[in-house]
Amino acid sequence: MALPSTHSIARRLALMFSLAAACVFGLAGLALYKLQRAELHRHLQQELDTRYQYVHSLLVRYIGGTDKWPNLVSRLNDLAPPGGKVRYVIEGPDPRFRYGVPFAENAVIRDDDGVLRIVEPNRSYFAQMGDAEAFGQRPTVRLSVAVDPDDFDASTAKLGITLLVSLGLGVVVVGALGWWIARRNLAPVDDLSNAAQYLRPPDSADA
């Protein structure tokens, strides 16, 4: 039975090194991806909460009649940059105390790792919603603050691609190093094998 060559052994060892590296790098990359995604979510939630609490406090403490409503509208116009990156929506039974364009009726609201995500047919938002209790002439209204998730999605996609590329490069490097180490350490075996080819069994006449 022929023994496997040192080249074959080196290839097998390199493959084993590569598989081990893929498992280790994969688990580490997944943990890093989840950690960074959670951190991005946290920053996004903080931004939403800050915007929401600011407008909600104005509604609850100062906006009890139509006299101050134009001031709130002016502030919201300043806070909402053009292009729809940030949306403020105030809905209620009295049309005098409404602001912004409501979300589409067929919009889907789902949980995205603890942050509400509103998905419309052509766009989606991260959002925070809540009620502002009636105050003076103003009835109870529903306040929604929404932020476009494009920057968040682009950051997470870029992070995922970077980790995948790093994983692939790491596996290739480890495999190459494993093959080189195996060949270097198996070199004496090759020398012995080559030397053995020149050895002849003792001649039966000399026995």
N, C-alpha and C. Protein backbone atom coordinates (compact mmCIF):
# COMPACT_ATOMS: atom_id res chain seq x y z
N MET A 1 0.85 -1.20 0.00
CA MET A 1 0.00 0.00 0.00
C MET A 1 0.88 1.25 0.00
N ALA A 2 0.66 2.12 -0.99
CA ALA A 2 1.49 3.32 -1.12
C ALA A 2 1.12 4.34 -0.05
N LEU A 3 2.14 4.91 0.54
CA LEU A 3 1.91 5.95 1.55
C LEU A 3 1.65 7.28 0.85
N PRO A 4 0.84 8.15 1.46
CA PRO A 4 0.58 9.45 0.85
C PRO A 4 1.84 10.27 0.78
N SER A 5 1.97 11.05 -0.30
CA SER A 5 3.15 11.88 -0.48
C SER A 5 3.11 13.05 0.49
N THR A 6 4.29 13.65 0.69
CA THR A 6 4.35 14.82 1.59
C THR A 6 3.56 15.98 1.01
N HIS A 7 3.48 16.08 -0.32
CA HIS A 7 2.67 17.14 -0.95
C HIS A 7 1.20 16.96 -0.57
N SER A 8 0.74 15.73 -0.62
CA SER A 8 -0.65 15.44 -0.26
C SER A 8 -0.91 15.75 1.21
N ILE A 9 0.03 15.37 2.05
CA ILE A 9 -0.12 15.65 3.50
C ILE A 9 -0.14 17.16 3.74
N ALA A 10 0.73 17.90 3.06
CA ALA A 10 0.78 19.35 3.22
C ALA A 10 -0.53 19.99 2.79
N ARG A 11 -1.09 19.50 1.67
CA ARG A 11 -2.37 20.05 1.22
C ARG A 11 -3.48 19.79 2.22
N ARG A 12 -3.49 18.60 2.77
CA ARG A 12 -4.52 18.28 3.76
C ARG A 12 -4.37 19.14 5.01
N LEU A 13 -3.14 19.31 5.46
CA LEU A 13 -2.92 20.16 6.64
C LEU A 13 -3.32 21.61 6.36
N ALA A 14 -2.99 22.09 5.15
CA ALA A 14 -3.36 23.46 4.79
C ALA A 14 -4.88 23.61 4.76
N LEU A 15 -5.58 22.59 4.25
CA LEU A 15 -7.04 22.63 4.23
C LEU A 15 -7.61 22.64 5.63
N MET A 16 -7.03 21.84 6.51
CA MET A 16 -7.49 21.81 7.90
C MET A 16 -7.26 23.15 8.58
N PHE A 17 -6.09 23.75 8.33
CA PHE A 17 -5.82 25.10 8.87
C PHE A 17 -6.84 26.10 8.35
N SER A 18 -7.15 26.01 7.06
CA SER A 18 -8.10 26.95 6.46
C SER A 18 -9.49 26.80 7.05
N LEU A 19 -9.93 25.56 7.24
CA LEU A 19 -11.25 25.33 7.82
C LEU A 19 -11.31 25.84 9.26
N ALA A 20 -10.25 25.59 10.02
CA ALA A 20 -10.21 26.08 11.40
C ALA A 20 -10.23 27.61 11.43
N ALA A 21 -9.47 28.22 10.52
CA ALA A 21 -9.43 29.69 10.46
C ALA A 21 -10.79 30.24 10.06
N ALA A 22 -11.47 29.57 9.10
CA ALA A 22 -12.80 30.04 8.68
C ALA A 22 -13.78 30.01 9.85
N CYS A 23 -13.72 28.95 10.65
CA CYS A 23 -14.63 28.86 11.81
C CYS A 23 -14.33 29.95 12.83
N VAL A 24 -13.05 30.15 13.15
CA VAL A 24 -12.67 31.15 14.16
C VAL A 24 -12.97 32.55 13.67
N PHE A 25 -12.52 32.86 12.43
CA PHE A 25 -12.74 34.21 11.89
C PHE A 25 -14.23 34.47 11.67
N GLY A 26 -14.95 33.42 11.26
CA GLY A 26 -16.38 33.58 11.03
C GLY A 26 -17.13 33.93 12.31
N LEU A 27 -16.84 33.20 13.38
CA LEU A 27 -17.49 33.48 14.65
C LEU A 27 -17.11 34.86 15.18
N ALA A 28 -15.82 35.20 15.07
CA ALA A 28 -15.37 36.52 15.52
C ALA A 28 -16.01 37.63 14.68
N GLY A 29 -16.08 37.42 13.37
CA GLY A 29 -16.70 38.42 12.50
C GLY A 29 -18.17 38.59 12.77
N LEU A 30 -18.87 37.48 13.01
CA LEU A 30 -20.30 37.56 13.32
C LEU A 30 -20.54 38.32 14.62
N ALA A 31 -19.71 38.03 15.63
CA ALA A 31 -19.85 38.73 16.91
C ALA A 31 -19.58 40.23 16.73
N LEU A 32 -18.54 40.57 15.95
CA LEU A 32 -18.22 41.97 15.72
C LEU A 32 -19.33 42.67 14.94
N TYR A 33 -19.89 41.97 13.94
CA TYR A 33 -20.98 42.54 13.15
C TYR A 33 -22.19 42.85 14.02
N LYS A 34 -22.57 41.89 14.84
CA LYS A 34 -23.73 42.10 15.72
C LYS A 34 -23.47 43.22 16.72
N LEU A 35 -22.24 43.28 17.24
CA LEU A 35 -21.90 44.34 18.20
C LEU A 35 -21.98 45.71 17.56
N GLN A 36 -21.39 45.85 16.38
CA GLN A 36 -21.40 47.14 15.70
C GLN A 36 -22.81 47.52 15.25
N ARG A 37 -23.58 46.54 14.81
CA ARG A 37 -24.96 46.83 14.39
C ARG A 37 -25.80 47.28 15.57
N ALA A 38 -25.59 46.64 16.71
CA ALA A 38 -26.30 47.06 17.92
C ALA A 38 -25.90 48.47 18.33
N GLU A 39 -24.62 48.81 18.16
CA GLU A 39 -24.16 50.16 18.50
C GLU A 39 -24.78 51.20 17.56
N LEU A 40 -24.86 50.86 16.27
CA LEU A 40 -25.52 51.77 15.33
C LEU A 40 -26.99 51.94 15.67
N HIS A 41 -27.62 50.85 16.06
CA HIS A 41 -29.02 50.92 16.49
C HIS A 41 -29.17 51.82 17.71
N ARG A 42 -28.22 51.72 18.61
CA ARG A 42 -28.30 52.52 19.83
C ARG A 42 -28.21 54.01 19.51
N HIS A 43 -27.28 54.37 18.64
CA HIS A 43 -27.14 55.77 18.24
C HIS A 43 -28.40 56.26 17.52
N LEU A 44 -28.95 55.40 16.68
CA LEU A 44 -30.16 55.76 15.96
C LEU A 44 -31.32 55.96 16.94
N GLN A 45 -31.44 55.06 17.90
CA GLN A 45 -32.50 55.18 18.90
C GLN A 45 -32.33 56.46 19.73
N GLN A 46 -31.10 56.81 20.04
CA GLN A 46 -30.85 58.05 20.78
C GLN A 46 -31.28 59.26 19.98
N GLU A 47 -30.96 59.27 18.69
CA GLU A 47 -31.37 60.39 17.84
C GLU A 47 -32.89 60.51 17.79
N LEU A 48 -33.55 59.37 17.58
CA LEU A 48 -35.00 59.38 17.54
C LEU A 48 -35.59 59.86 18.86
N ASP A 49 -35.06 59.35 19.96
CA ASP A 49 -35.58 59.71 21.27
C ASP A 49 -35.39 61.19 21.56
N THR A 50 -34.23 61.73 21.19
CA THR A 50 -33.98 63.15 21.42
C THR A 50 -34.96 64.02 20.63
N ARG A 51 -35.15 63.70 19.36
CA ARG A 51 -36.09 64.46 18.54
C ARG A 51 -37.51 64.31 19.06
N TYR A 52 -37.88 63.09 19.42
CA TYR A 52 -39.24 62.85 19.88
C TYR A 52 -39.52 63.59 21.19
N GLN A 53 -38.62 63.48 22.15
CA GLN A 53 -38.83 64.11 23.46
C GLN A 53 -38.92 65.62 23.33
N TYR A 54 -38.14 66.19 22.43
CA TYR A 54 -38.17 67.65 22.25
C TYR A 54 -39.54 68.10 21.76
N VAL A 55 -40.04 67.49 20.69
CA VAL A 55 -41.33 67.89 20.13
C VAL A 55 -42.47 67.54 21.08
N HIS A 56 -42.37 66.38 21.71
CA HIS A 56 -43.42 65.95 22.64
C HIS A 56 -43.54 66.93 23.82
N SER A 57 -42.39 67.41 24.33
CA SER A 57 -42.43 68.36 25.44
C SER A 57 -43.08 69.68 25.02
N LEU A 58 -42.83 70.09 23.78
CA LEU A 58 -43.47 71.31 23.29
C LEU A 58 -44.98 71.14 23.21
N LEU A 59 -45.41 70.00 22.70
CA LEU A 59 -46.84 69.73 22.59
C LEU A 59 -47.51 69.71 23.96
N VAL A 60 -46.88 69.04 24.91
CA VAL A 60 -47.50 68.84 26.22
C VAL A 60 -47.50 70.12 27.05
N ARG A 61 -46.45 70.93 26.95
CA ARG A 61 -46.30 72.06 27.86
C ARG A 61 -46.78 73.40 27.29
N TYR A 62 -46.67 73.54 25.96
CA TYR A 62 -46.89 74.88 25.42
C TYR A 62 -48.00 74.98 24.38
N ILE A 63 -48.29 73.90 23.70
CA ILE A 63 -49.24 73.98 22.60
C ILE A 63 -50.62 73.55 23.08
N GLY A 64 -51.35 74.52 23.60
CA GLY A 64 -52.72 74.23 24.04
C GLY A 64 -53.76 74.96 23.23
N GLY A 65 -53.32 75.78 22.28
CA GLY A 65 -54.26 76.52 21.44
C GLY A 65 -53.65 76.80 20.09
N THR A 66 -54.43 77.34 19.21
CA THR A 66 -53.98 77.60 17.84
C THR A 66 -53.03 78.78 17.76
N ASP A 67 -52.96 79.60 18.81
CA ASP A 67 -52.10 80.78 18.75
C ASP A 67 -50.61 80.42 18.67
N LYS A 68 -50.22 79.31 19.32
CA LYS A 68 -48.81 78.92 19.32
C LYS A 68 -48.49 77.84 18.28
N TRP A 69 -49.50 77.35 17.62
CA TRP A 69 -49.28 76.29 16.65
C TRP A 69 -48.36 76.72 15.49
N PRO A 70 -48.50 77.93 14.94
CA PRO A 70 -47.58 78.34 13.87
C PRO A 70 -46.12 78.33 14.30
N ASN A 71 -45.85 78.64 15.56
CA ASN A 71 -44.46 78.60 16.04
C ASN A 71 -43.92 77.17 16.01
N LEU A 72 -44.77 76.20 16.42
CA LEU A 72 -44.35 74.81 16.38
C LEU A 72 -44.12 74.35 14.94
N VAL A 73 -45.00 74.74 14.04
CA VAL A 73 -44.85 74.37 12.63
C VAL A 73 -43.54 74.92 12.09
N SER A 74 -43.20 76.16 12.45
CA SER A 74 -41.95 76.75 11.99
C SER A 74 -40.74 75.98 12.52
N ARG A 75 -40.79 75.58 13.78
CA ARG A 75 -39.68 74.81 14.35
C ARG A 75 -39.55 73.45 13.67
N LEU A 76 -40.67 72.81 13.43
CA LEU A 76 -40.62 71.49 12.79
C LEU A 76 -40.10 71.60 11.36
N ASN A 77 -40.46 72.68 10.67
CA ASN A 77 -39.93 72.89 9.32
C ASN A 77 -38.42 73.05 9.34
N ASP A 78 -37.91 73.70 10.38
CA ASP A 78 -36.46 73.87 10.52
C ASP A 78 -35.77 72.55 10.88
N LEU A 79 -36.46 71.72 11.68
CA LEU A 79 -35.87 70.46 12.12
C LEU A 79 -35.90 69.39 11.04
N ALA A 80 -36.83 69.52 10.10
CA ALA A 80 -36.97 68.52 9.05
C ALA A 80 -36.26 69.00 7.79
N PRO A 81 -35.07 68.48 7.49
CA PRO A 81 -34.33 68.93 6.30
C PRO A 81 -35.07 68.53 5.03
N PRO A 82 -34.82 69.23 3.93
CA PRO A 82 -35.45 68.85 2.65
C PRO A 82 -35.00 67.47 2.19
N GLY A 83 -35.86 66.83 1.45
CA GLY A 83 -35.54 65.50 0.95
C GLY A 83 -36.19 64.38 1.72
N GLY A 84 -36.84 64.70 2.82
CA GLY A 84 -37.56 63.68 3.57
C GLY A 84 -36.69 62.77 4.41
N LYS A 85 -35.45 63.20 4.73
CA LYS A 85 -34.58 62.37 5.57
C LYS A 85 -35.15 62.22 6.99
N VAL A 86 -35.81 63.28 7.45
CA VAL A 86 -36.45 63.26 8.77
C VAL A 86 -37.90 63.72 8.59
N ARG A 87 -38.82 62.98 9.18
CA ARG A 87 -40.23 63.34 9.07
C ARG A 87 -40.85 63.47 10.44
N TYR A 88 -41.66 64.52 10.58
CA TYR A 88 -42.47 64.71 11.78
C TYR A 88 -43.93 64.66 11.35
N VAL A 89 -44.69 63.83 12.02
CA VAL A 89 -46.11 63.69 11.68
C VAL A 89 -46.92 63.82 12.96
N ILE A 90 -47.88 64.75 12.96
CA ILE A 90 -48.79 64.92 14.09
C ILE A 90 -50.20 64.70 13.56
N GLU A 91 -50.88 63.71 14.11
CA GLU A 91 -52.22 63.35 13.66
C GLU A 91 -53.20 63.45 14.82
N GLY A 92 -54.41 63.89 14.50
CA GLY A 92 -55.44 64.00 15.53
C GLY A 92 -56.79 64.31 14.91
N PRO A 93 -57.84 64.33 15.71
CA PRO A 93 -59.18 64.56 15.18
C PRO A 93 -59.43 65.99 14.71
N ASP A 94 -58.66 66.93 15.23
CA ASP A 94 -58.84 68.34 14.87
C ASP A 94 -57.83 68.72 13.80
N PRO A 95 -58.28 69.09 12.59
CA PRO A 95 -57.34 69.42 11.51
C PRO A 95 -56.47 70.63 11.81
N ARG A 96 -56.86 71.44 12.80
CA ARG A 96 -56.04 72.61 13.14
C ARG A 96 -54.74 72.19 13.84
N PHE A 97 -54.70 70.98 14.37
CA PHE A 97 -53.53 70.52 15.11
C PHE A 97 -52.93 69.28 14.43
N ARG A 98 -52.71 69.43 13.15
CA ARG A 98 -52.07 68.37 12.38
C ARG A 98 -50.85 68.93 11.67
N TYR A 99 -49.90 68.03 11.46
CA TYR A 99 -48.67 68.46 10.78
C TYR A 99 -48.09 67.28 10.02
N GLY A 100 -47.53 67.59 8.85
CA GLY A 100 -46.82 66.58 8.08
C GLY A 100 -47.75 65.68 7.28
N VAL A 101 -47.12 64.86 6.46
CA VAL A 101 -47.85 63.92 5.61
C VAL A 101 -47.90 62.56 6.32
N PRO A 102 -49.11 62.07 6.61
CA PRO A 102 -49.20 60.76 7.29
C PRO A 102 -48.54 59.66 6.46
N PHE A 103 -48.15 58.61 7.14
CA PHE A 103 -47.58 57.46 6.45
C PHE A 103 -48.65 56.74 5.65
N ALA A 104 -48.23 56.04 4.63
CA ALA A 104 -49.17 55.34 3.76
C ALA A 104 -50.02 54.36 4.56
N GLU A 105 -51.26 54.23 4.14
CA GLU A 105 -52.18 53.34 4.86
C GLU A 105 -51.72 51.89 4.82
N ASN A 106 -51.04 51.51 3.75
CA ASN A 106 -50.56 50.13 3.63
C ASN A 106 -49.14 49.95 4.15
N ALA A 107 -48.64 50.96 4.89
CA ALA A 107 -47.29 50.85 5.44
C ALA A 107 -47.26 49.73 6.49
N VAL A 108 -46.14 49.02 6.52
CA VAL A 108 -45.95 47.92 7.46
C VAL A 108 -45.04 48.40 8.59
N ILE A 109 -45.47 48.19 9.82
CA ILE A 109 -44.67 48.57 10.98
C ILE A 109 -44.13 47.30 11.62
N ARG A 110 -42.83 47.21 11.74
CA ARG A 110 -42.22 46.02 12.32
C ARG A 110 -41.08 46.41 13.26
N ASP A 111 -40.68 45.47 14.08
CA ASP A 111 -39.59 45.69 15.02
C ASP A 111 -38.27 45.30 14.37
N ASP A 112 -37.31 46.21 14.43
CA ASP A 112 -35.98 45.95 13.87
C ASP A 112 -34.97 46.08 14.99
N ASP A 113 -34.75 44.97 15.73
CA ASP A 113 -33.83 44.95 16.87
C ASP A 113 -34.14 46.06 17.87
N GLY A 114 -35.41 46.19 18.22
CA GLY A 114 -35.80 47.15 19.24
C GLY A 114 -36.17 48.52 18.72
N VAL A 115 -36.02 48.77 17.41
CA VAL A 115 -36.39 50.05 16.82
C VAL A 115 -37.52 49.81 15.83
N LEU A 116 -38.57 50.66 15.91
CA LEU A 116 -39.68 50.52 14.97
C LEU A 116 -39.22 50.88 13.56
N ARG A 117 -39.64 50.08 12.61
CA ARG A 117 -39.33 50.36 11.21
C ARG A 117 -40.64 50.41 10.44
N ILE A 118 -40.88 51.55 9.79
CA ILE A 118 -42.08 51.73 8.99
C ILE A 118 -41.70 51.55 7.53
N VAL A 119 -42.30 50.57 6.90
CA VAL A 119 -41.96 50.25 5.51
C VAL A 119 -43.13 50.66 4.62
N GLU A 120 -42.89 51.66 3.80
CA GLU A 120 -43.88 52.10 2.80
C GLU A 120 -43.53 51.47 1.46
N PRO A 121 -44.43 51.56 0.48
CA PRO A 121 -44.15 50.94 -0.81
C PRO A 121 -42.83 51.38 -1.45
N ASN A 122 -42.46 52.65 -1.29
CA ASN A 122 -41.27 53.14 -1.96
C ASN A 122 -40.17 53.60 -1.02
N ARG A 123 -40.41 53.50 0.29
CA ARG A 123 -39.41 54.01 1.23
C ARG A 123 -39.68 53.41 2.60
N SER A 124 -38.65 53.44 3.43
CA SER A 124 -38.82 52.96 4.81
C SER A 124 -38.17 53.94 5.77
N TYR A 125 -38.60 53.88 7.04
CA TYR A 125 -38.09 54.78 8.07
C TYR A 125 -37.95 54.02 9.39
N PHE A 126 -37.00 54.47 10.19
CA PHE A 126 -37.00 54.12 11.60
C PHE A 126 -37.81 55.19 12.31
N ALA A 127 -38.62 54.79 13.29
CA ALA A 127 -39.55 55.76 13.87
C ALA A 127 -39.76 55.53 15.36
N GLN A 128 -40.25 56.59 15.99
CA GLN A 128 -40.73 56.53 17.36
C GLN A 128 -42.08 57.22 17.40
N MET A 129 -43.04 56.59 18.06
CA MET A 129 -44.41 57.10 18.08
C MET A 129 -44.94 57.15 19.50
N GLY A 130 -45.87 58.05 19.70
CA GLY A 130 -46.52 58.14 21.01
C GLY A 130 -47.59 59.21 20.99
N ASP A 131 -48.41 59.24 22.04
CA ASP A 131 -49.50 60.20 22.14
C ASP A 131 -49.11 61.37 23.04
N ALA A 132 -49.62 62.52 22.69
CA ALA A 132 -49.52 63.70 23.55
C ALA A 132 -50.93 63.99 24.05
N GLU A 133 -51.13 63.91 25.35
CA GLU A 133 -52.46 64.07 25.94
C GLU A 133 -53.04 65.45 25.64
N ALA A 134 -54.37 65.52 25.66
CA ALA A 134 -55.07 66.77 25.38
C ALA A 134 -54.61 67.88 26.32
N PHE A 135 -54.52 69.08 25.75
CA PHE A 135 -54.08 70.24 26.53
C PHE A 135 -54.78 71.48 25.98
N GLY A 136 -55.62 72.12 26.77
CA GLY A 136 -56.35 73.29 26.33
C GLY A 136 -57.28 72.94 25.18
N GLN A 137 -57.18 73.73 24.11
CA GLN A 137 -58.01 73.47 22.94
C GLN A 137 -57.54 72.25 22.15
N ARG A 138 -56.30 71.87 22.33
CA ARG A 138 -55.73 70.77 21.54
C ARG A 138 -56.18 69.43 22.09
N PRO A 139 -56.75 68.58 21.21
CA PRO A 139 -57.11 67.23 21.65
C PRO A 139 -55.87 66.35 21.71
N THR A 140 -56.04 65.13 22.14
CA THR A 140 -54.94 64.16 22.12
C THR A 140 -54.49 63.93 20.68
N VAL A 141 -53.19 64.03 20.45
CA VAL A 141 -52.66 63.83 19.10
C VAL A 141 -51.60 62.74 19.14
N ARG A 142 -51.38 62.19 17.98
CA ARG A 142 -50.38 61.14 17.80
C ARG A 142 -49.14 61.74 17.15
N LEU A 143 -48.00 61.64 17.84
CA LEU A 143 -46.74 62.18 17.32
C LEU A 143 -45.87 61.05 16.81
N SER A 144 -45.37 61.22 15.60
CA SER A 144 -44.44 60.26 15.01
C SER A 144 -43.20 60.99 14.53
N VAL A 145 -42.04 60.49 14.90
CA VAL A 145 -40.77 61.03 14.42
C VAL A 145 -40.08 59.91 13.66
N ALA A 146 -39.72 60.17 12.41
CA ALA A 146 -39.14 59.13 11.55
C ALA A 146 -37.84 59.61 10.92
N VAL A 147 -36.88 58.71 10.81
CA VAL A 147 -35.57 59.01 10.23
C VAL A 147 -35.30 58.02 9.10
N ASP A 148 -34.83 58.53 8.00
CA ASP A 148 -34.48 57.68 6.86
C ASP A 148 -33.34 56.74 7.26
N PRO A 149 -33.47 55.44 6.98
CA PRO A 149 -32.43 54.48 7.42
C PRO A 149 -31.32 54.25 6.41
N ASP A 150 -31.25 55.06 5.35
CA ASP A 150 -30.25 54.79 4.30
C ASP A 150 -28.83 54.78 4.85
N ASP A 151 -28.50 55.75 5.69
CA ASP A 151 -27.14 55.80 6.25
C ASP A 151 -26.86 54.59 7.12
N PHE A 152 -27.87 54.19 7.91
CA PHE A 152 -27.71 53.01 8.77
C PHE A 152 -27.53 51.75 7.92
N ASP A 153 -28.39 51.59 6.91
CA ASP A 153 -28.30 50.40 6.06
C ASP A 153 -26.98 50.36 5.30
N ALA A 154 -26.52 51.54 4.82
CA ALA A 154 -25.26 51.58 4.10
C ALA A 154 -24.09 51.23 5.01
N SER A 155 -24.14 51.70 6.26
CA SER A 155 -23.06 51.41 7.21
C SER A 155 -23.01 49.92 7.53
N THR A 156 -24.18 49.31 7.78
CA THR A 156 -24.20 47.88 8.11
C THR A 156 -23.79 47.03 6.91
N ALA A 157 -24.20 47.45 5.71
CA ALA A 157 -23.81 46.70 4.51
C ALA A 157 -22.30 46.80 4.29
N LYS A 158 -21.75 48.00 4.46
CA LYS A 158 -20.31 48.18 4.30
C LYS A 158 -19.55 47.36 5.33
N LEU A 159 -20.06 47.35 6.57
CA LEU A 159 -19.40 46.56 7.61
C LEU A 159 -19.45 45.07 7.27
N GLY A 160 -20.59 44.59 6.80
CA GLY A 160 -20.71 43.17 6.45
C GLY A 160 -19.78 42.78 5.32
N ILE A 161 -19.69 43.63 4.28
CA ILE A 161 -18.81 43.34 3.15
C ILE A 161 -17.35 43.34 3.59
N THR A 162 -17.00 44.33 4.43
CA THR A 162 -15.62 44.40 4.92
C THR A 162 -15.25 43.15 5.71
N LEU A 163 -16.15 42.70 6.56
CA LEU A 163 -15.87 41.50 7.35
C LEU A 163 -15.77 40.26 6.47
N LEU A 164 -16.62 40.15 5.45
CA LEU A 164 -16.56 39.00 4.55
C LEU A 164 -15.24 38.98 3.77
N VAL A 165 -14.84 40.14 3.28
CA VAL A 165 -13.56 40.21 2.54
C VAL A 165 -12.40 39.87 3.47
N SER A 166 -12.46 40.40 4.69
CA SER A 166 -11.39 40.11 5.66
C SER A 166 -11.36 38.62 5.99
N LEU A 167 -12.54 38.02 6.12
CA LEU A 167 -12.62 36.58 6.39
C LEU A 167 -11.98 35.79 5.26
N GLY A 168 -12.32 36.14 4.00
CA GLY A 168 -11.75 35.41 2.86
C GLY A 168 -10.23 35.56 2.79
N LEU A 169 -9.75 36.78 2.97
CA LEU A 169 -8.30 37.00 2.94
C LEU A 169 -7.60 36.26 4.08
N GLY A 170 -8.23 36.30 5.27
CA GLY A 170 -7.63 35.61 6.41
C GLY A 170 -7.53 34.12 6.19
N VAL A 171 -8.56 33.52 5.62
CA VAL A 171 -8.53 32.08 5.35
C VAL A 171 -7.45 31.74 4.32
N VAL A 172 -7.33 32.57 3.27
CA VAL A 172 -6.32 32.32 2.24
C VAL A 172 -4.91 32.42 2.84
N VAL A 173 -4.70 33.46 3.65
CA VAL A 173 -3.37 33.64 4.25
C VAL A 173 -3.04 32.48 5.19
N VAL A 174 -3.99 32.10 6.03
CA VAL A 174 -3.74 30.99 6.96
C VAL A 174 -3.49 29.70 6.19
N GLY A 175 -4.27 29.47 5.12
CA GLY A 175 -4.05 28.27 4.32
C GLY A 175 -2.67 28.24 3.68
N ALA A 176 -2.26 29.40 3.14
CA ALA A 176 -0.94 29.47 2.51
C ALA A 176 0.17 29.27 3.55
N LEU A 177 0.03 29.90 4.69
CA LEU A 177 1.03 29.72 5.75
C LEU A 177 1.06 28.27 6.24
N GLY A 178 -0.13 27.68 6.36
CA GLY A 178 -0.19 26.29 6.79
C GLY A 178 0.50 25.36 5.81
N TRP A 179 0.27 25.62 4.51
CA TRP A 179 0.94 24.78 3.50
C TRP A 179 2.45 24.97 3.58
N TRP A 180 2.92 26.23 3.72
CA TRP A 180 4.36 26.49 3.79
C TRP A 180 4.99 25.85 5.02
N ILE A 181 4.32 25.96 6.16
CA ILE A 181 4.85 25.37 7.39
C ILE A 181 4.91 23.84 7.27
N ALA A 182 3.83 23.28 6.71
CA ALA A 182 3.79 21.82 6.56
C ALA A 182 4.89 21.34 5.61
N ARG A 183 5.07 22.01 4.48
CA ARG A 183 6.10 21.61 3.54
C ARG A 183 7.49 21.75 4.16
N ARG A 184 7.69 22.82 4.91
CA ARG A 184 9.00 23.04 5.52
C ARG A 184 9.32 21.94 6.54
N ASN A 185 8.32 21.57 7.33
CA ASN A 185 8.56 20.57 8.36
C ASN A 185 8.57 19.15 7.82
N LEU A 186 7.97 18.95 6.65
CA LEU A 186 7.98 17.62 6.04
C LEU A 186 9.17 17.42 5.10
N ALA A 187 9.98 18.46 4.94
CA ALA A 187 11.14 18.34 4.05
C ALA A 187 12.08 17.21 4.45
N PRO A 188 12.39 17.01 5.75
CA PRO A 188 13.25 15.86 6.12
C PRO A 188 12.67 14.52 5.69
N VAL A 189 11.33 14.41 5.71
CA VAL A 189 10.71 13.16 5.26
C VAL A 189 10.99 12.94 3.79
N ASP A 190 10.92 14.02 3.00
CA ASP A 190 11.26 13.91 1.57
C ASP A 190 12.70 13.47 1.37
N ASP A 191 13.58 14.05 2.19
CA ASP A 191 15.00 13.68 2.08
C ASP A 191 15.19 12.20 2.38
N LEU A 192 14.54 11.71 3.43
CA LEU A 192 14.64 10.28 3.76
C LEU A 192 14.07 9.42 2.65
N SER A 193 12.94 9.88 2.08
CA SER A 193 12.31 9.10 1.02
C SER A 193 13.22 9.03 -0.21
N ASN A 194 13.85 10.15 -0.52
CA ASN A 194 14.76 10.16 -1.69
C ASN A 194 15.99 9.30 -1.43
N ALA A 195 16.49 9.37 -0.21
CA ALA A 195 17.67 8.55 0.11
C ALA A 195 17.34 7.07 0.09
N ALA A 196 16.12 6.74 0.49
CA ALA A 196 15.73 5.33 0.53
C ALA A 196 15.66 4.73 -0.86
N GLN A 197 15.45 5.57 -1.87
CA GLN A 197 15.36 5.04 -3.23
C GLN A 197 16.70 4.48 -3.71
N TYR A 198 17.78 4.96 -3.10
CA TYR A 198 19.10 4.51 -3.52
C TYR A 198 19.59 3.31 -2.70
N LEU A 199 18.82 2.92 -1.70
CA LEU A 199 19.19 1.75 -0.92
C LEU A 199 18.67 0.49 -1.61
N ARG A 200 19.54 -0.50 -1.71
CA ARG A 200 19.13 -1.76 -2.31
C ARG A 200 19.13 -2.84 -1.26
N PRO A 201 18.21 -3.76 -1.35
CA PRO A 201 18.21 -4.86 -0.37
C PRO A 201 19.48 -5.70 -0.54
N PRO A 202 19.97 -6.30 0.53
CA PRO A 202 21.20 -7.12 0.41
C PRO A 202 21.03 -8.26 -0.58
N ASP A 203 22.07 -8.49 -1.36
CA ASP A 203 22.03 -9.57 -2.35
C ASP A 203 21.97 -10.91 -1.65
N SER A 204 21.08 -11.79 -2.13
CA SER A 204 20.90 -13.09 -1.47
C SER A 204 22.20 -13.91 -1.54
N ALA A 205 23.04 -13.63 -2.56
CA ALA A 205 24.29 -14.37 -2.65
C ALA A 205 25.26 -14.00 -1.57
N ASP A 206 25.07 -12.73 -1.03
CA ASP A 206 25.98 -12.28 0.02
C ASP A 206 25.52 -12.71 1.40
N ALA A 207 24.32 -13.26 1.46
CA ALA A 207 23.76 -13.64 2.78
C ALA A 207 24.54 -14.82 3.36
